[in-house]
């Protein structure tokens, strides 16, 4: 029997029906059409489906859709505001740290979560914060440098925002 769920997704009220065993990832992608979060491993090992749930980084494949009741979800679609990319997104582009696109949505959300809580991370902190996000195409150096550059941009206030 489908469950009625009310949530806030990317700052907007959302209501949907979901089966009790449907994952949050299935709900986001299939029910709500938010396809930015990717299904990589479906076991919480790759980070491709990372979202913020009440401000905490989680793998959407490990959360039930019904658990979104009354909670706030931020997906990669909600990171940019209007037409302005978040500094993490902009710096990933500038550093050519993108390739196939499967891992990047989760990396963007994980990097945003890091910079929200630590605006001045060192390289080790960034590597640790992104350790749950696997990338098979780019390697990690460009991604790490892009996140460090985004942190610097945000600290300088040049287009940065929380």
Protein backbone atom coordinates (compact mmCIF):
# COMPACT_ATOMS: atom_id res chain seq x y z
CA UNK A 1 0.00 0.00 0.00
CA UNK A 2 1.47 3.34 -1.05
CA UNK A 3 2.35 5.86 1.64
CA UNK A 4 1.63 9.58 1.47
CA UNK A 5 4.75 11.61 2.30
CA UNK A 6 5.20 15.36 2.77
CA UNK A 7 8.69 16.78 2.63
CA UNK A 8 10.69 19.82 1.61
CA UNK A 9 12.93 19.12 -1.36
CA UNK A 10 15.37 21.73 -2.59
CA UNK A 11 13.53 24.36 -0.57
CA UNK A 12 10.12 23.56 -2.02
CA UNK A 13 7.23 21.68 -0.41
CA UNK A 14 6.75 18.25 -1.94
CA UNK A 15 4.11 15.57 -1.57
CA UNK A 16 4.30 12.14 -3.09
CA UNK A 17 3.12 8.57 -2.79
CA UNK A 18 5.66 5.80 -2.40
CA UNK A 19 5.74 2.14 -1.64
CA UNK A 20 7.01 1.31 1.88
CA UNK A 21 10.14 -0.36 0.48
CA UNK A 22 11.00 2.35 -2.10
CA UNK A 23 14.32 4.06 -1.49
CA UNK A 24 14.62 7.82 -1.34
CA UNK A 25 16.71 7.56 -4.51
CA UNK A 26 13.86 5.81 -6.33
CA UNK A 27 11.41 8.45 -5.12
CA UNK A 28 13.67 11.34 -6.12
CA UNK A 29 14.44 9.97 -9.58
CA UNK A 30 11.34 8.04 -10.59
CA UNK A 31 8.51 9.77 -8.75
CA UNK A 32 9.74 13.37 -8.55
CA UNK A 33 11.86 13.46 -11.72
CA UNK A 34 14.99 14.70 -9.93
CA UNK A 35 17.48 12.65 -11.90
CA UNK A 36 20.64 14.45 -10.81
CA UNK A 37 21.35 11.94 -8.05
CA UNK A 38 22.67 8.83 -9.76
CA UNK A 39 22.27 5.17 -8.96
CA UNK A 40 25.74 3.72 -8.91
CA UNK A 41 26.04 0.77 -6.56
CA UNK A 42 22.66 0.83 -4.74
CA UNK A 43 24.50 -0.29 -1.60
CA UNK A 44 25.90 2.97 -0.19
CA UNK A 45 29.45 2.35 -1.37
CA UNK A 46 29.91 4.80 -4.26
CA UNK A 47 28.33 8.10 -3.14
CA UNK A 48 26.72 8.83 -6.53
CA UNK A 49 23.33 9.29 -4.87
CA UNK A 50 24.51 11.55 -2.04
CA UNK A 51 21.97 14.09 -0.78
CA UNK A 52 21.65 16.23 2.32
CA UNK A 53 18.90 15.06 4.65
CA UNK A 54 18.22 17.71 7.30
CA UNK A 55 21.75 18.97 6.57
CA UNK A 56 23.44 15.58 6.97
CA UNK A 57 25.12 13.84 4.04
CA UNK A 58 23.46 10.49 3.28
CA UNK A 59 23.29 8.01 0.44
CA UNK A 60 19.72 8.22 -0.87
CA UNK A 61 19.85 4.55 -1.84
CA UNK A 62 20.08 3.63 1.87
CA UNK A 63 17.16 5.80 3.04
CA UNK A 64 13.55 4.84 2.53
CA UNK A 65 11.33 7.31 0.71
CA UNK A 66 8.90 7.15 3.64
CA UNK A 67 11.69 8.41 5.92
CA UNK A 68 11.57 11.75 4.10
CA UNK A 69 8.31 12.56 5.90
CA UNK A 70 8.62 16.03 7.44
CA UNK A 71 12.30 16.33 6.52
CA UNK A 72 14.37 18.61 4.32
CA UNK A 73 16.22 17.15 1.36
CA UNK A 74 18.81 18.90 -0.77
CA UNK A 75 19.75 17.21 -4.03
CA UNK A 76 22.31 18.35 -6.57
CA UNK A 77 19.47 20.16 -8.39
CA UNK A 78 19.10 22.45 -5.37
CA UNK A 79 22.77 23.38 -5.01
CA UNK A 80 22.75 26.06 -7.72
CA UNK A 81 20.41 28.94 -6.97
CA UNK A 82 18.60 30.43 -9.94
CA UNK A 83 21.09 30.61 -12.76
CA UNK A 84 24.12 30.93 -10.49
CA UNK A 85 26.27 27.88 -10.00
CA UNK A 86 27.53 27.16 -6.50
CA UNK A 87 31.30 27.81 -6.26
CA UNK A 88 31.92 24.05 -6.02
CA UNK A 89 30.13 23.53 -9.34
CA UNK A 90 31.93 26.44 -10.97
CA UNK A 91 35.35 25.32 -9.80
CA UNK A 92 34.77 21.73 -10.91
CA UNK A 93 34.12 23.15 -14.39
CA UNK A 94 37.14 25.46 -14.29
CA UNK A 95 39.46 22.68 -13.13
CA UNK A 96 38.15 20.26 -15.79
CA UNK A 97 37.29 17.83 -13.00
CA UNK A 98 34.30 16.34 -14.82
CA UNK A 99 33.98 13.41 -17.14
CA UNK A 100 31.17 10.86 -17.34
CA UNK A 101 28.91 12.58 -14.79
CA UNK A 102 27.94 9.61 -12.63
CA UNK A 103 29.96 10.59 -9.55
CA UNK A 104 29.86 14.39 -9.85
CA UNK A 105 26.38 15.02 -8.39
CA UNK A 106 27.34 13.18 -5.21
CA UNK A 107 30.70 14.92 -5.09
CA UNK A 108 29.04 18.33 -5.46
CA UNK A 109 26.66 17.60 -2.58
CA UNK A 110 29.42 16.11 -0.39
CA UNK A 111 31.74 19.07 -1.08
CA UNK A 112 28.95 21.54 -0.29
CA UNK A 113 28.27 19.71 2.98
CA UNK A 114 31.97 19.95 3.86
CA UNK A 115 32.26 23.65 3.03
CA UNK A 116 29.05 24.43 4.93
CA UNK A 117 30.64 23.09 8.11
CA UNK A 118 34.32 23.87 7.40
CA UNK A 119 34.96 26.91 5.20
CA UNK A 120 38.75 26.47 5.36
CA UNK A 121 39.55 22.77 4.90
CA UNK A 122 43.02 21.50 4.13
CA UNK A 123 43.68 18.88 1.46
CA UNK A 124 43.52 15.98 3.91
CA UNK A 125 40.13 17.15 5.19
CA UNK A 126 38.76 17.42 1.64
CA UNK A 127 40.07 13.97 0.75
CA UNK A 128 38.50 12.50 3.89
CA UNK A 129 35.17 14.27 3.27
CA UNK A 130 35.00 12.95 -0.30
CA UNK A 131 36.29 9.46 0.51
CA UNK A 132 32.79 8.01 0.15
CA UNK A 133 32.51 9.23 -3.44
CA UNK A 134 34.10 6.97 -6.00
CA UNK A 135 35.23 8.30 -9.38
CA UNK A 136 36.48 6.03 -12.14
CA UNK A 137 37.16 8.68 -14.80
CA UNK A 138 38.99 11.76 -13.56
CA UNK A 139 41.06 10.57 -10.67
CA UNK A 140 40.82 12.77 -7.63
CA UNK A 141 43.49 15.47 -7.87
CA UNK A 142 41.47 17.86 -10.04
CA UNK A 143 38.40 17.32 -7.86
CA UNK A 144 40.33 18.02 -4.65
CA UNK A 145 41.93 21.14 -6.12
CA UNK A 146 38.54 22.37 -7.34
CA UNK A 147 37.01 21.98 -3.87
CA UNK A 148 39.95 23.78 -2.24
CA UNK A 149 39.62 26.57 -4.83
CA UNK A 150 35.87 26.78 -4.17
CA UNK A 151 36.55 27.10 -0.44
CA UNK A 152 38.96 29.98 -1.12
CA UNK A 153 36.41 31.67 -3.39
CA UNK A 154 33.69 31.33 -0.78
CA UNK A 155 35.94 32.73 1.95
CA UNK A 156 36.74 35.70 -0.25
CA UNK A 157 33.01 36.27 -0.76
CA UNK A 158 33.37 36.28 -4.55
CA UNK A 159 30.11 34.63 -5.44
CA UNK A 160 30.21 32.35 -2.44
CA UNK A 161 27.18 31.46 -0.41
CA UNK A 162 26.25 28.81 2.11
